[in-house]
């Protein structure tokens, strides 16, 4: 059974940093995308960043580019989201998700991936940026 476990959220002041982790278990797939989404109170869920397992291609939402870095440790089956210079608008519940790809390793995949494409979701981790 595939499971995703998101962790690392917390309360931080503006300008601070957090590192989120998404640990996967039961993964036997070669090609997949791990995405990070967030949902602020009263707002729709939005995609923040994603990474493809085979070639490391990444995507960042414009508002987090240059502040967030997504990375993957295949040996640990874990994807990280390093978030620096956090701002109040980054507040929300952050979720990680996995889309299992079946196109072939040479397929040039368009990023970001729609939320509806993701096969597995982890529980959320709360990020609160406030002074």
Protein backbone atom coordinates (compact mmCIF):
# COMPACT_ATOMS: atom_id res chain seq x y z
CA UNK A 1 0.00 0.00 0.00
CA UNK A 2 1.37 3.39 -1.01
CA UNK A 3 1.43 5.96 1.75
CA UNK A 4 2.72 9.51 1.89
CA UNK A 5 3.60 11.20 5.17
CA UNK A 6 4.04 14.97 5.17
CA UNK A 7 5.80 16.65 8.07
CA UNK A 8 7.83 19.69 9.02
CA UNK A 9 5.21 22.38 9.32
CA UNK A 10 5.06 24.85 12.14
CA UNK A 11 4.81 28.47 13.21
CA UNK A 12 7.46 30.80 11.89
CA UNK A 13 7.94 34.54 11.72
CA UNK A 14 8.00 36.37 8.38
CA UNK A 15 11.39 35.91 6.78
CA UNK A 16 11.88 32.56 8.50
CA UNK A 17 12.41 29.12 7.03
CA UNK A 18 10.91 25.67 7.22
CA UNK A 19 11.70 22.40 5.52
CA UNK A 20 8.80 20.12 4.71
CA UNK A 21 9.31 16.41 4.15
CA UNK A 22 7.15 13.97 2.23
CA UNK A 23 8.13 10.39 3.06
CA UNK A 24 6.79 7.68 0.79
CA UNK A 25 6.30 4.03 1.63
CA UNK A 26 5.16 1.16 -0.53
CA UNK A 27 6.65 2.80 -3.59
CA UNK A 28 7.65 0.37 -6.32
CA UNK A 29 7.38 2.75 -9.25
CA UNK A 30 10.17 4.03 -11.46
CA UNK A 31 8.60 7.16 -12.86
CA UNK A 32 6.41 9.49 -10.86
CA UNK A 33 5.83 13.10 -9.90
CA UNK A 34 5.68 14.35 -6.33
CA UNK A 35 3.79 17.58 -5.91
CA UNK A 36 3.32 19.99 -3.05
CA UNK A 37 -0.01 21.76 -2.73
CA UNK A 38 -1.30 24.19 -0.15
CA UNK A 39 -4.67 25.41 0.96
CA UNK A 40 -5.21 28.60 2.91
CA UNK A 41 -8.38 29.16 4.94
CA UNK A 42 -11.23 30.13 2.65
CA UNK A 43 -9.16 29.60 -0.49
CA UNK A 44 -8.85 26.89 -3.06
CA UNK A 45 -6.00 24.42 -3.04
CA UNK A 46 -3.10 25.49 -5.24
CA UNK A 47 -0.06 23.75 -6.58
CA UNK A 48 3.19 25.07 -5.17
CA UNK A 49 5.93 22.89 -6.63
CA UNK A 50 6.56 19.46 -8.10
CA UNK A 51 9.42 17.23 -9.17
CA UNK A 52 9.71 14.25 -11.50
CA UNK A 53 11.56 11.25 -10.13
CA UNK A 54 13.46 10.18 -13.23
CA UNK A 55 15.00 13.39 -14.46
CA UNK A 56 14.59 15.79 -11.56
CA UNK A 57 12.64 18.33 -13.57
CA UNK A 58 10.90 20.80 -11.32
CA UNK A 59 8.14 23.36 -11.34
CA UNK A 60 7.52 26.27 -8.99
CA UNK A 61 4.55 28.53 -8.62
CA UNK A 62 5.66 32.02 -9.58
CA UNK A 63 5.13 33.47 -6.10
CA UNK A 64 7.49 30.94 -4.47
CA UNK A 65 10.17 30.79 -7.11
CA UNK A 66 13.56 31.89 -5.71
CA UNK A 67 12.30 31.21 -2.18
CA UNK A 68 11.37 27.51 -2.24
CA UNK A 69 13.48 24.58 -3.39
CA UNK A 70 12.12 21.10 -3.99
CA UNK A 71 14.47 18.13 -3.88
CA UNK A 72 14.30 14.36 -3.85
CA UNK A 73 16.29 11.74 -1.95
CA UNK A 74 15.52 8.51 -3.77
CA UNK A 75 17.40 6.39 -1.25
CA UNK A 76 15.08 7.62 1.49
CA UNK A 77 11.95 7.82 -0.70
CA UNK A 78 11.56 11.37 0.54
CA UNK A 79 10.88 14.68 -1.16
CA UNK A 80 11.76 17.91 0.59
CA UNK A 81 10.44 21.43 0.20
CA UNK A 82 12.87 23.97 1.59
CA UNK A 83 10.97 27.19 2.19
CA UNK A 84 12.93 30.35 2.85
CA UNK A 85 11.88 33.94 3.38
CA UNK A 86 8.40 32.80 4.31
CA UNK A 87 5.65 35.36 4.15
CA UNK A 88 2.16 35.48 5.71
CA UNK A 89 0.64 34.60 2.35
CA UNK A 90 2.47 31.27 2.49
CA UNK A 91 0.27 30.25 5.42
CA UNK A 92 -1.83 27.17 4.84
CA UNK A 93 -2.04 23.42 5.07
CA UNK A 94 0.57 21.85 2.86
CA UNK A 95 -0.06 18.49 1.21
CA UNK A 96 2.17 16.23 -0.81
CA UNK A 97 0.86 13.98 -3.53
CA UNK A 98 2.16 11.41 -6.00
CA UNK A 99 1.21 10.86 -9.63
CA UNK A 100 2.39 7.54 -11.04
CA UNK A 101 3.50 8.03 -14.64
CA UNK A 102 2.87 5.48 -17.33
CA UNK A 103 4.11 7.32 -20.41
CA UNK A 104 7.63 5.98 -20.70
CA UNK A 105 10.82 7.47 -19.38
CA UNK A 106 11.53 9.42 -22.58
CA UNK A 107 8.18 11.16 -22.53
CA UNK A 108 8.56 14.91 -22.07
CA UNK A 109 6.04 15.52 -19.34
CA UNK A 110 4.36 18.89 -18.97
CA UNK A 111 4.66 20.43 -15.51
CA UNK A 112 2.82 21.34 -13.36
CA UNK A 113 0.43 18.44 -13.15
CA UNK A 114 -3.26 19.02 -12.42
CA UNK A 115 -4.34 18.01 -8.94
CA UNK A 116 -6.82 15.57 -10.44
CA UNK A 117 -3.93 13.59 -11.94
CA UNK A 118 -2.43 12.65 -8.58
CA UNK A 119 -3.04 9.12 -7.40
CA UNK A 120 -2.01 9.36 -3.77
CA UNK A 121 -2.21 12.13 -1.19
CA UNK A 122 -0.60 12.54 2.18
CA UNK A 123 -2.16 14.18 5.19
CA UNK A 124 -1.48 17.88 5.48
CA UNK A 125 1.02 19.72 7.60
CA UNK A 126 0.17 23.20 8.87
CA UNK A 127 2.44 26.11 8.02
CA UNK A 128 1.70 29.40 9.78
CA UNK A 129 3.71 32.52 9.04
CA UNK A 130 2.95 35.23 11.54
CA UNK A 131 4.67 37.74 13.75
